[in-house]
Structure formats: C-alpha cells, structure tokens
Amino acid sequence: MARSSDFLLILVAILCPPVAVAFISGCSCDLLFSILLTLFGAIPGHIHAFWLIYLKLKAEEAYGYGGFVYRGNGTYEALPGQNLPPPPSYGSV
C-alpha cells in the first residue's frame, strides 16, 4: 500500500525527476545518471525516476516500511537483524 509520502514523491518526480531520485538515493551515481537523462530529454529522466520509485515501493512491500537500506543501482537489502514478514500465502497451503 502506498503511503502519502510516496504520492508526494511521485508528484516531485513529475515536476523534477532528479530531485525525486535525490530523495531516494541521496548524492550517488543514480542522481548523476538521472540528471544526465533529464538533460538528454525529459522522458528518459522521468522513466528512471519512476523506476526507482517502483523499486522502493517493492522494497517497502518486501521488508516493511523503514526495514531496508538502499545499496545503490536500484537494489535494497533488509536491515541487519530485521525480522522479515512471512511471504503471503495465496490459496491452499
């Protein structure tokens, strides 16, 4: 489930993709890549920002809100000592 901060992050990504990437990744190669993509054209910068937002939402779904750390290049890892929630079971077990 998306939080209100995720909706604000999407709004920022629509207005200025590198700022949204900076919120997600900080000052990293992803930020530089996003700036370059946005300079080459607005659409590539938007695609990159939305891809990173999508990966962040998937990490929140897998590890819980705040239960992960960004490792760069769109990868997330669970925090050390984090108890992962059991995977959802759909159907009969």
PDB file of N, CA and C in Angstrom:
ATOM      1  N   MET A   1       0.847  -1.170   0.000  1.00  0.00           N
ATOM      2  CA  MET A   1       0.000   0.000   0.000  1.00  0.00           C
ATOM      3  C   MET A   1       0.893   1.234   0.000  1.00  0.00           C
ATOM      4  N   ALA A   2       0.570   2.134  -0.865  1.00  0.00           N
ATOM      5  CA  ALA A   2       1.366   3.356  -0.979  1.00  0.00           C
ATOM      6  C   ALA A   2       1.001   4.323   0.143  1.00  0.00           C
ATOM      7  N   ARG A   3       2.000   4.997   0.627  1.00  0.00           N
ATOM      8  CA  ARG A   3       1.805   5.984   1.684  1.00  0.00           C
ATOM      9  C   ARG A   3       1.691   7.365   1.052  1.00  0.00           C
ATOM     10  N   SER A   4       1.271   8.343   1.833  1.00  0.00           N
ATOM     11  CA  SER A   4       1.132   9.699   1.307  1.00  0.00           C
ATOM     12  C   SER A   4       2.486  10.268   0.883  1.00  0.00           C
ATOM     13  N   SER A   5       3.559   9.856   1.556  1.00  0.00           N
ATOM     14  CA  SER A   5       4.883  10.323   1.156  1.00  0.00           C
ATOM     15  C   SER A   5       5.260   9.773  -0.219  1.00  0.00           C
ATOM     16  N   ASP A   6       4.757   8.584  -0.560  1.00  0.00           N
ATOM     17  CA  ASP A   6       5.016   8.038  -1.889  1.00  0.00           C
ATOM     18  C   ASP A   6       4.300   8.851  -2.962  1.00  0.00           C
ATOM     19  N   PHE A   7       3.089   9.297  -2.667  1.00  0.00           N
ATOM     20  CA  PHE A   7       2.368  10.139  -3.621  1.00  0.00           C
ATOM     21  C   PHE A   7       3.084  11.475  -3.819  1.00  0.00           C
ATOM     22  N   LEU A   8       3.615  12.031  -2.753  1.00  0.00           N
ATOM     23  CA  LEU A   8       4.379  13.274  -2.878  1.00  0.00           C
ATOM     24  C   LEU A   8       5.658  13.050  -3.676  1.00  0.00           C
ATOM     25  N   LEU A   9       6.284  11.900  -3.479  1.00  0.00           N
ATOM     26  CA  LEU A   9       7.488  11.562  -4.229  1.00  0.00           C
ATOM     27  C   LEU A   9       7.167  11.443  -5.719  1.00  0.00           C
ATOM     28  N   ILE A  10       6.022  10.872  -6.058  1.00  0.00           N
ATOM     29  CA  ILE A  10       5.601  10.776  -7.455  1.00  0.00           C
ATOM     30  C   ILE A  10       5.343  12.170  -8.030  1.00  0.00           C
ATOM     31  N   LEU A  11       4.725  13.035  -7.245  1.00  0.00           N
ATOM     32  CA  LEU A  11       4.474  14.405  -7.696  1.00  0.00           C
ATOM     33  C   LEU A  11       5.796  15.141  -7.957  1.00  0.00           C
ATOM     34  N   VAL A  12       6.750  14.964  -7.075  1.00  0.00           N
ATOM     35  CA  VAL A  12       8.067  15.589  -7.271  1.00  0.00           C
ATOM     36  C   VAL A  12       8.743  15.010  -8.513  1.00  0.00           C
ATOM     37  N   ALA A  13       8.574  13.702  -8.747  1.00  0.00           N
ATOM     38  CA  ALA A  13       9.175  13.071  -9.929  1.00  0.00           C
ATOM     39  C   ALA A  13       8.563  13.612 -11.213  1.00  0.00           C
ATOM     40  N   ILE A  14       7.285  13.963 -11.178  1.00  0.00           N
ATOM     41  CA  ILE A  14       6.649  14.547 -12.360  1.00  0.00           C
ATOM     42  C   ILE A  14       7.221  15.941 -12.630  1.00  0.00           C
ATOM     43  N   LEU A  15       7.420  16.722 -11.585  1.00  0.00           N
ATOM     44  CA  LEU A  15       7.899  18.091 -11.745  1.00  0.00           C
ATOM     45  C   LEU A  15       9.394  18.156 -12.048  1.00  0.00           C
ATOM     46  N   CYS A  16      10.195  17.388 -11.310  1.00  0.00           N
ATOM     47  CA  CYS A  16      11.653  17.418 -11.490  1.00  0.00           C
ATOM     48  C   CYS A  16      12.236  16.060 -11.088  1.00  0.00           C
ATOM     49  N   PRO A  17      12.443  15.164 -12.055  1.00  0.00           N
ATOM     50  CA  PRO A  17      12.892  13.803 -11.745  1.00  0.00           C
ATOM     51  C   PRO A  17      14.184  13.711 -10.917  1.00  0.00           C
ATOM     52  N   PRO A  18      15.225  14.522 -11.170  1.00  0.00           N
ATOM     53  CA  PRO A  18      16.432  14.375 -10.357  1.00  0.00           C
ATOM     54  C   PRO A  18      16.213  14.651  -8.866  1.00  0.00           C
ATOM     55  N   VAL A  19      15.279  15.523  -8.525  1.00  0.00           N
ATOM     56  CA  VAL A  19      15.013  15.801  -7.111  1.00  0.00           C
ATOM     57  C   VAL A  19      14.409  14.557  -6.451  1.00  0.00           C
ATOM     58  N   ALA A  20      13.503  13.887  -7.143  1.00  0.00           N
ATOM     59  CA  ALA A  20      12.911  12.666  -6.600  1.00  0.00           C
ATOM     60  C   ALA A  20      13.975  11.585  -6.426  1.00  0.00           C
ATOM     61  N   VAL A  21      14.872  11.477  -7.385  1.00  0.00           N
ATOM     62  CA  VAL A  21      15.954  10.491  -7.278  1.00  0.00           C
ATOM     63  C   VAL A  21      16.878  10.850  -6.121  1.00  0.00           C
ATOM     64  N   ALA A  22      17.110  12.125  -5.895  1.00  0.00           N
ATOM     65  CA  ALA A  22      17.944  12.553  -4.767  1.00  0.00           C
ATOM     66  C   ALA A  22      17.290  12.171  -3.448  1.00  0.00           C
ATOM     67  N   PHE A  23      15.963  12.269  -3.352  1.00  0.00           N
ATOM     68  CA  PHE A  23      15.272  11.859  -2.132  1.00  0.00           C
ATOM     69  C   PHE A  23      15.444  10.364  -1.879  1.00  0.00           C
ATOM     70  N   ILE A  24      15.472   9.573  -2.932  1.00  0.00           N
ATOM     71  CA  ILE A  24      15.575   8.118  -2.789  1.00  0.00           C
ATOM     72  C   ILE A  24      17.018   7.696  -2.541  1.00  0.00           C
ATOM     73  N   SER A  25      17.933   8.173  -3.376  1.00  0.00           N
ATOM     74  CA  SER A  25      19.289   7.628  -3.346  1.00  0.00           C
ATOM     75  C   SER A  25      20.325   8.536  -2.702  1.00  0.00           C
ATOM     76  N   GLY A  26      19.976   9.785  -2.430  1.00  0.00           N
ATOM     77  CA  GLY A  26      20.969  10.712  -1.905  1.00  0.00           C
ATOM     78  C   GLY A  26      21.914  11.139  -3.011  1.00  0.00           C
ATOM     79  N   CYS A  27      23.075  11.588  -2.645  1.00  0.00           N
ATOM     80  CA  CYS A  27      24.064  12.014  -3.631  1.00  0.00           C
ATOM     81  C   CYS A  27      24.858  10.784  -4.070  1.00  0.00           C
ATOM     82  N   SER A  28      24.424  10.197  -5.182  1.00  0.00           N
ATOM     83  CA  SER A  28      25.046   8.967  -5.655  1.00  0.00           C
ATOM     84  C   SER A  28      25.128   8.983  -7.171  1.00  0.00           C
ATOM     85  N   CYS A  29      25.607   7.895  -7.732  1.00  0.00           N
ATOM     86  CA  CYS A  29      25.675   7.773  -9.187  1.00  0.00           C
ATOM     87  C   CYS A  29      24.281   7.787  -9.802  1.00  0.00           C
ATOM     88  N   ASP A  30      23.280   7.292  -9.068  1.00  0.00           N
ATOM     89  CA  ASP A  30      21.912   7.341  -9.581  1.00  0.00           C
ATOM     90  C   ASP A  30      21.465   8.785  -9.807  1.00  0.00           C
ATOM     91  N   LEU A  31      21.855   9.675  -8.934  1.00  0.00           N
ATOM     92  CA  LEU A  31      21.499  11.080  -9.095  1.00  0.00           C
ATOM     93  C   LEU A  31      22.173  11.665 -10.329  1.00  0.00           C
ATOM     94  N   LEU A  32      23.447  11.407 -10.508  1.00  0.00           N
ATOM     95  CA  LEU A  32      24.157  11.899 -11.679  1.00  0.00           C
ATOM     96  C   LEU A  32      23.540  11.338 -12.957  1.00  0.00           C
ATOM     97  N   PHE A  33      23.220  10.055 -12.947  1.00  0.00           N
ATOM     98  CA  PHE A  33      22.593   9.414 -14.098  1.00  0.00           C
ATOM     99  C   PHE A  33      21.240  10.048 -14.405  1.00  0.00           C
ATOM    100  N   SER A  34      20.474  10.345 -13.371  1.00  0.00           N
ATOM    101  CA  SER A  34      19.163  10.964 -13.558  1.00  0.00           C
ATOM    102  C   SER A  34      19.299  12.374 -14.131  1.00  0.00           C
ATOM    103  N   ILE A  35      20.272  13.129 -13.653  1.00  0.00           N
ATOM    104  CA  ILE A  35      20.498  14.473 -14.187  1.00  0.00           C
ATOM    105  C   ILE A  35      20.859  14.400 -15.670  1.00  0.00           C
ATOM    106  N   LEU A  36      21.746  13.464 -16.022  1.00  0.00           N
ATOM    107  CA  LEU A  36      22.133  13.325 -17.423  1.00  0.00           C
ATOM    108  C   LEU A  36      20.950  12.905 -18.289  1.00  0.00           C
ATOM    109  N   LEU A  37      20.162  11.955 -17.822  1.00  0.00           N
ATOM    110  CA  LEU A  37      18.992  11.526 -18.586  1.00  0.00           C
ATOM    111  C   LEU A  37      17.998  12.664 -18.764  1.00  0.00           C
ATOM    112  N   THR A  38      17.803  13.454 -17.733  1.00  0.00           N
ATOM    113  CA  THR A  38      16.867  14.573 -17.830  1.00  0.00           C
ATOM    114  C   THR A  38      17.389  15.644 -18.780  1.00  0.00           C
ATOM    115  N   LEU A  39      18.691  15.849 -18.810  1.00  0.00           N
ATOM    116  CA  LEU A  39      19.256  16.813 -19.760  1.00  0.00           C
ATOM    117  C   LEU A  39      19.112  16.333 -21.201  1.00  0.00           C
ATOM    118  N   PHE A  40      19.211  15.020 -21.423  1.00  0.00           N
ATOM    119  CA  PHE A  40      19.053  14.474 -22.771  1.00  0.00           C
ATOM    120  C   PHE A  40      17.604  14.486 -23.233  1.00  0.00           C
ATOM    121  N   GLY A  41      16.694  14.487 -22.291  1.00  0.00           N
ATOM    122  CA  GLY A  41      15.269  14.525 -22.629  1.00  0.00           C
ATOM    123  C   GLY A  41      14.455  14.275 -21.375  1.00  0.00           C
ATOM    124  N   ALA A  42      13.310  14.873 -21.322  1.00  0.00           N
ATOM    125  CA  ALA A  42      12.502  14.765 -20.110  1.00  0.00           C
ATOM    126  C   ALA A  42      11.999  13.347 -19.886  1.00  0.00           C
ATOM    127  N   ILE A  43      11.617  12.663 -20.960  1.00  0.00           N
ATOM    128  CA  ILE A  43      11.025  11.327 -20.813  1.00  0.00           C
ATOM    129  C   ILE A  43      12.011  10.318 -20.213  1.00  0.00           C
ATOM    130  N   PRO A  44      13.265  10.231 -20.674  1.00  0.00           N
ATOM    131  CA  PRO A  44      14.188   9.282 -20.036  1.00  0.00           C
ATOM    132  C   PRO A  44      14.410   9.565 -18.548  1.00  0.00           C
ATOM    133  N   GLY A  45      14.474  10.829 -18.172  1.00  0.00           N
ATOM    134  CA  GLY A  45      14.628  11.174 -16.761  1.00  0.00           C
ATOM    135  C   GLY A  45      13.430  10.750 -15.937  1.00  0.00           C
ATOM    136  N   HIS A  46      12.238  10.935 -16.493  1.00  0.00           N
ATOM    137  CA  HIS A  46      11.020  10.514 -15.797  1.00  0.00           C
ATOM    138  C   HIS A  46      10.966   8.990 -15.653  1.00  0.00           C
ATOM    139  N   ILE A  47      11.326   8.274 -16.706  1.00  0.00           N
ATOM    140  CA  ILE A  47      11.301   6.807 -16.643  1.00  0.00           C
ATOM    141  C   ILE A  47      12.242   6.313 -15.557  1.00  0.00           C
ATOM    142  N   HIS A  48      13.437   6.883 -15.485  1.00  0.00           N
ATOM    143  CA  HIS A  48      14.407   6.462 -14.466  1.00  0.00           C
ATOM    144  C   HIS A  48      13.889   6.756 -13.060  1.00  0.00           C
ATOM    145  N   ALA A  49      13.316   7.921 -12.861  1.00  0.00           N
ATOM    146  CA  ALA A  49      12.799   8.277 -11.533  1.00  0.00           C
ATOM    147  C   ALA A  49      11.646   7.360 -11.139  1.00  0.00           C
ATOM    148  N   PHE A  50      10.731   7.106 -12.063  1.00  0.00           N
ATOM    149  CA  PHE A  50       9.603   6.235 -11.745  1.00  0.00           C
ATOM    150  C   PHE A  50      10.052   4.795 -11.516  1.00  0.00           C
ATOM    151  N   TRP A  51      11.095   4.364 -12.207  1.00  0.00           N
ATOM    152  CA  TRP A  51      11.624   3.014 -11.979  1.00  0.00           C
ATOM    153  C   TRP A  51      12.188   2.898 -10.556  1.00  0.00           C
ATOM    154  N   LEU A  52      12.918   3.897 -10.113  1.00  0.00           N
ATOM    155  CA  LEU A  52      13.459   3.858  -8.751  1.00  0.00           C
ATOM    156  C   LEU A  52      12.347   3.944  -7.700  1.00  0.00           C
ATOM    157  N   ILE A  53      11.295   4.704  -7.977  1.00  0.00           N
ATOM    158  CA  ILE A  53      10.159   4.762  -7.057  1.00  0.00           C
ATOM    159  C   ILE A  53       9.477   3.397  -6.988  1.00  0.00           C
ATOM    160  N   TYR A  54       9.325   2.754  -8.133  1.00  0.00           N
ATOM    161  CA  TYR A  54       8.727   1.416  -8.169  1.00  0.00           C
ATOM    162  C   TYR A  54       9.552   0.430  -7.336  1.00  0.00           C
ATOM    163  N   LEU A  55      10.866   0.466  -7.493  1.00  0.00           N
ATOM    164  CA  LEU A  55      11.727  -0.440  -6.717  1.00  0.00           C
ATOM    165  C   LEU A  55      11.640  -0.145  -5.221  1.00  0.00           C
ATOM    166  N   LYS A  56      11.510   1.123  -4.853  1.00  0.00           N
ATOM    167  CA  LYS A  56      11.364   1.496  -3.451  1.00  0.00           C
ATOM    168  C   LYS A  56      10.055   0.950  -2.890  1.00  0.00           C
ATOM    169  N   LEU A  57       8.975   1.049  -3.669  1.00  0.00           N
ATOM    170  CA  LEU A  57       7.693   0.516  -3.216  1.00  0.00           C
ATOM    171  C   LEU A  57       7.749  -1.004  -3.062  1.00  0.00           C
ATOM    172  N   LYS A  58       8.459  -1.684  -3.959  1.00  0.00           N
ATOM    173  CA  LYS A  58       8.621  -3.128  -3.849  1.00  0.00           C
ATOM    174  C   LYS A  58       9.434  -3.490  -2.597  1.00  0.00           C
ATOM    175  N   ALA A  59      10.447  -2.687  -2.271  1.00  0.00           N
ATOM    176  CA  ALA A  59      11.241  -2.943  -1.064  1.00  0.00           C
ATOM    177  C   ALA A  59      10.397  -2.730   0.188  1.00  0.00           C
ATOM    178  N   GLU A  60       9.533  -1.698   0.172  1.00  0.00           N
ATOM    179  CA  GLU A  60       8.638  -1.480   1.311  1.00  0.00           C
ATOM    180  C   GLU A  60       7.675  -2.647   1.475  1.00  0.00           C
ATOM    181  N   GLU A  61       7.237  -3.199   0.360  1.00  0.00           N
ATOM    182  CA  GLU A  61       6.334  -4.342   0.416  1.00  0.00           C
ATOM    183  C   GLU A  61       7.038  -5.583   0.960  1.00  0.00           C
ATOM    184  N   ALA A  62       8.289  -5.780   0.570  1.00  0.00           N
ATOM    185  CA  ALA A  62       9.024  -6.970   0.978  1.00  0.00           C
ATOM    186  C   ALA A  62       9.569  -6.880   2.400  1.00  0.00           C
ATOM    187  N   TYR A  63      10.100  -5.721   2.791  1.00  0.00           N
ATOM    188  CA  TYR A  63      10.798  -5.591   4.064  1.00  0.00           C
ATOM    189  C   TYR A  63      10.042  -4.766   5.103  1.00  0.00           C
ATOM    190  N   GLY A  64       8.945  -4.158   4.720  1.00  0.00           N
ATOM    191  CA  GLY A  64       8.224  -3.289   5.637  1.00  0.00           C
ATOM    192  C   GLY A  64       8.770  -1.876   5.551  1.00  0.00           C
ATOM    193  N   TYR A  65       7.971  -0.920   6.000  1.00  0.00           N
ATOM    194  CA  TYR A  65       8.378   0.478   5.911  1.00  0.00           C
ATOM    195  C   TYR A  65       9.567   0.730   6.828  1.00  0.00           C
ATOM    196  N   GLY A  66      10.672   1.198   6.260  1.00  0.00           N
ATOM    197  CA  GLY A  66      11.869   1.502   7.035  1.00  0.00           C
ATOM    198  C   GLY A  66      12.692   0.282   7.403  1.00  0.00           C
ATOM    199  N   GLY A  67      12.357  -0.881   6.886  1.00  0.00           N
ATOM    200  CA  GLY A  67      13.085  -2.101   7.218  1.00  0.00           C
ATOM    201  C   GLY A  67      14.136  -2.474   6.203  1.00  0.00           C
ATOM    202  N   PHE A  68      14.586  -1.498   5.414  1.00  0.00           N
ATOM    203  CA  PHE A  68      15.550  -1.791   4.365  1.00  0.00           C
ATOM    204  C   PHE A  68      16.510  -0.624   4.215  1.00  0.00           C
ATOM    205  N   VAL A  69      17.583  -0.884   3.497  1.00  0.00           N
ATOM    206  CA  VAL A  69      18.570   0.157   3.222  1.00  0.00           C
ATOM    207  C   VAL A  69      18.863   0.110   1.718  1.00  0.00           C
ATOM    208  N   TYR A  70      19.035   1.296   1.121  1.00  0.00           N
ATOM    209  CA  TYR A  70      19.322   1.399  -0.308  1.00  0.00           C
ATOM    210  C   TYR A  70      20.811   1.171  -0.524  1.00  0.00           C
ATOM    211  N   ARG A  71      21.147   0.233  -1.416  1.00  0.00           N
ATOM    212  CA  ARG A  71      22.548  -0.091  -1.676  1.00  0.00           C
ATOM    213  C   ARG A  71      23.070   0.477  -2.991  1.00  0.00           C
ATOM    214  N   GLY A  72      22.237   1.185  -3.709  1.00  0.00           N
ATOM    215  CA  GLY A  72      22.655   1.755  -4.981  1.00  0.00           C
ATOM    216  C   GLY A  72      22.248   0.870  -6.145  1.00  0.00           C
ATOM    217  N   ASN A  73      22.218   1.455  -7.312  1.00  0.00           N
ATOM    218  CA  ASN A  73      21.874   0.761  -8.542  1.00  0.00           C
ATOM    219  C   ASN A  73      20.502   0.095  -8.455  1.00  0.00           C
ATOM    220  N   GLY A  74      19.606   0.677  -7.688  1.00  0.00           N
ATOM    221  CA  GLY A  74      18.245   0.165  -7.598  1.00  0.00           C
ATOM    222  C   GLY A  74      18.092  -1.071  -6.737  1.00  0.00           C
ATOM    223  N   THR A  75      19.064  -1.374  -5.887  1.00  0.00           N
ATOM    224  CA  THR A  75      18.969  -2.568  -5.042  1.00  0.00           C
ATOM    225  C   THR A  75      18.765  -2.175  -3.580  1.00  0.00           C
ATOM    226  N   TYR A  76      17.988  -2.977  -2.902  1.00  0.00           N
ATOM    227  CA  TYR A  76      17.681  -2.763  -1.491  1.00  0.00           C
ATOM    228  C   TYR A  76      18.008  -4.037  -0.724  1.00  0.00           C
ATOM    229  N   GLU A  77      18.405  -3.876   0.534  1.00  0.00           N
ATOM    230  CA  GLU A  77      18.676  -5.007   1.418  1.00  0.00           C
ATOM    231  C   GLU A  77      17.971  -4.767   2.739  1.00  0.00           C
ATOM    232  N   ALA A  78      17.587  -5.864   3.380  1.00  0.00           N
ATOM    233  CA  ALA A  78      16.969  -5.759   4.696  1.00  0.00           C
ATOM    234  C   ALA A  78      18.012  -5.279   5.696  1.00  0.00           C
ATOM    235  N   LEU A  79      17.557  -4.541   6.677  1.00  0.00           N
ATOM    236  CA  LEU A  79      18.466  -4.098   7.738  1.00  0.00           C
ATOM    237  C   LEU A  79      18.937  -5.305   8.532  1.00  0.00           C
ATOM    238  N   PRO A  80      20.171  -5.284   9.040  1.00  0.00           N
ATOM    239  CA  PRO A  80      20.658  -6.406   9.845  1.00  0.00           C
ATOM    240  C   PRO A  80      19.766  -6.623  11.066  1.00  0.00           C
ATOM    241  N   GLY A  81      19.451  -7.873  11.337  1.00  0.00           N
ATOM    242  CA  GLY A  81      18.620  -8.209  12.484  1.00  0.00           C
ATOM    243  C   GLY A  81      17.143  -7.968  12.252  1.00  0.00           C
ATOM    244  N   GLN A  82      16.796  -7.606  11.037  1.00  0.00           N
ATOM    245  CA  GLN A  82      15.392  -7.334  10.717  1.00  0.00           C
ATOM    246  C   GLN A  82      14.647  -8.656  10.552  1.00  0.00           C
ATOM    247  N   ASN A  83      13.552  -8.811  11.283  1.00  0.00           N
ATOM    248  CA  ASN A  83      12.710  -9.985  11.116  1.00  0.00           C
ATOM    249  C   ASN A  83      11.809  -9.760   9.913  1.00  0.00           C
ATOM    250  N   LEU A  84      12.009 -10.564   8.895  1.00  0.00           N
ATOM    251  CA  LEU A  84      11.218 -10.402   7.682  1.00  0.00           C
ATOM    252  C   LEU A  84       9.834 -11.001   7.885  1.00  0.00           C
ATOM    253  N   PRO A  85       8.810 -10.330   7.385  1.00  0.00           N
ATOM    254  CA  PRO A  85       7.475 -10.884   7.486  1.00  0.00           C
ATOM    255  C   PRO A  85       7.359 -12.122   6.607  1.00  0.00           C
ATOM    256  N   PRO A  86       6.511 -13.071   7.006  1.00  0.00           N
ATOM    257  CA  PRO A  86       6.373 -14.263   6.165  1.00  0.00           C
ATOM    258  C   PRO A  86       5.731 -13.891   4.834  1.00  0.00           C
ATOM    259  N   PRO A  87       6.111 -14.615   3.775  1.00  0.00           N
ATOM    260  CA  PRO A  87       5.514 -14.295   2.477  1.00  0.00           C
ATOM    261  C   PRO A  87       4.035 -14.594   2.486  1.00  0.00           C
ATOM    262  N   PRO A  88       3.253 -13.818   1.742  1.00  0.00           N
ATOM    263  CA  PRO A  88       1.814 -14.058   1.744  1.00  0.00           C
ATOM    264  C   PRO A  88       1.494 -15.398   1.104  1.00  0.00           C
ATOM    265  N   SER A  89       0.531 -16.092   1.654  1.00  0.00           N
ATOM    266  CA  SER A  89       0.122 -17.370   1.080  1.00  0.00           C
ATOM    267  C   SER A  89      -1.214 -17.164   0.383  1.00  0.00           C
ATOM    268  N   TYR A  90      -1.219 -17.485  -0.861  1.00  0.00           N
ATOM    269  CA  TYR A  90      -2.429 -17.353  -1.658  1.00  0.00           C
ATOM    270  C   TYR A  90      -2.927 -18.766  -1.977  1.00  0.00           C
ATOM    271  N   GLY A  91      -4.158 -19.022  -1.695  1.00  0.00           N
ATOM    272  CA  GLY A  91      -4.706 -20.343  -1.958  1.00  0.00           C
ATOM    273  C   GLY A  91      -4.467 -21.280  -0.797  1.00  0.00           C
ATOM    274  N   SER A  92      -4.542 -22.561  -1.083  1.00  0.00           N
ATOM    275  CA  SER A  92      -4.382 -23.561  -0.020  1.00  0.00           C
ATOM    276  C   SER A  92      -2.913 -23.811   0.268  1.00  0.00           C
ATOM    277  N   VAL A  93      -2.640 -24.216   1.493  1.00  0.00           N
ATOM    278  CA  VAL A  93      -1.264 -24.486   1.898  1.00  0.00           C
ATOM    279  C   VAL A  93      -1.097 -25.936   2.212  1.00  0.00           C
TER     280      VAL A  93
END
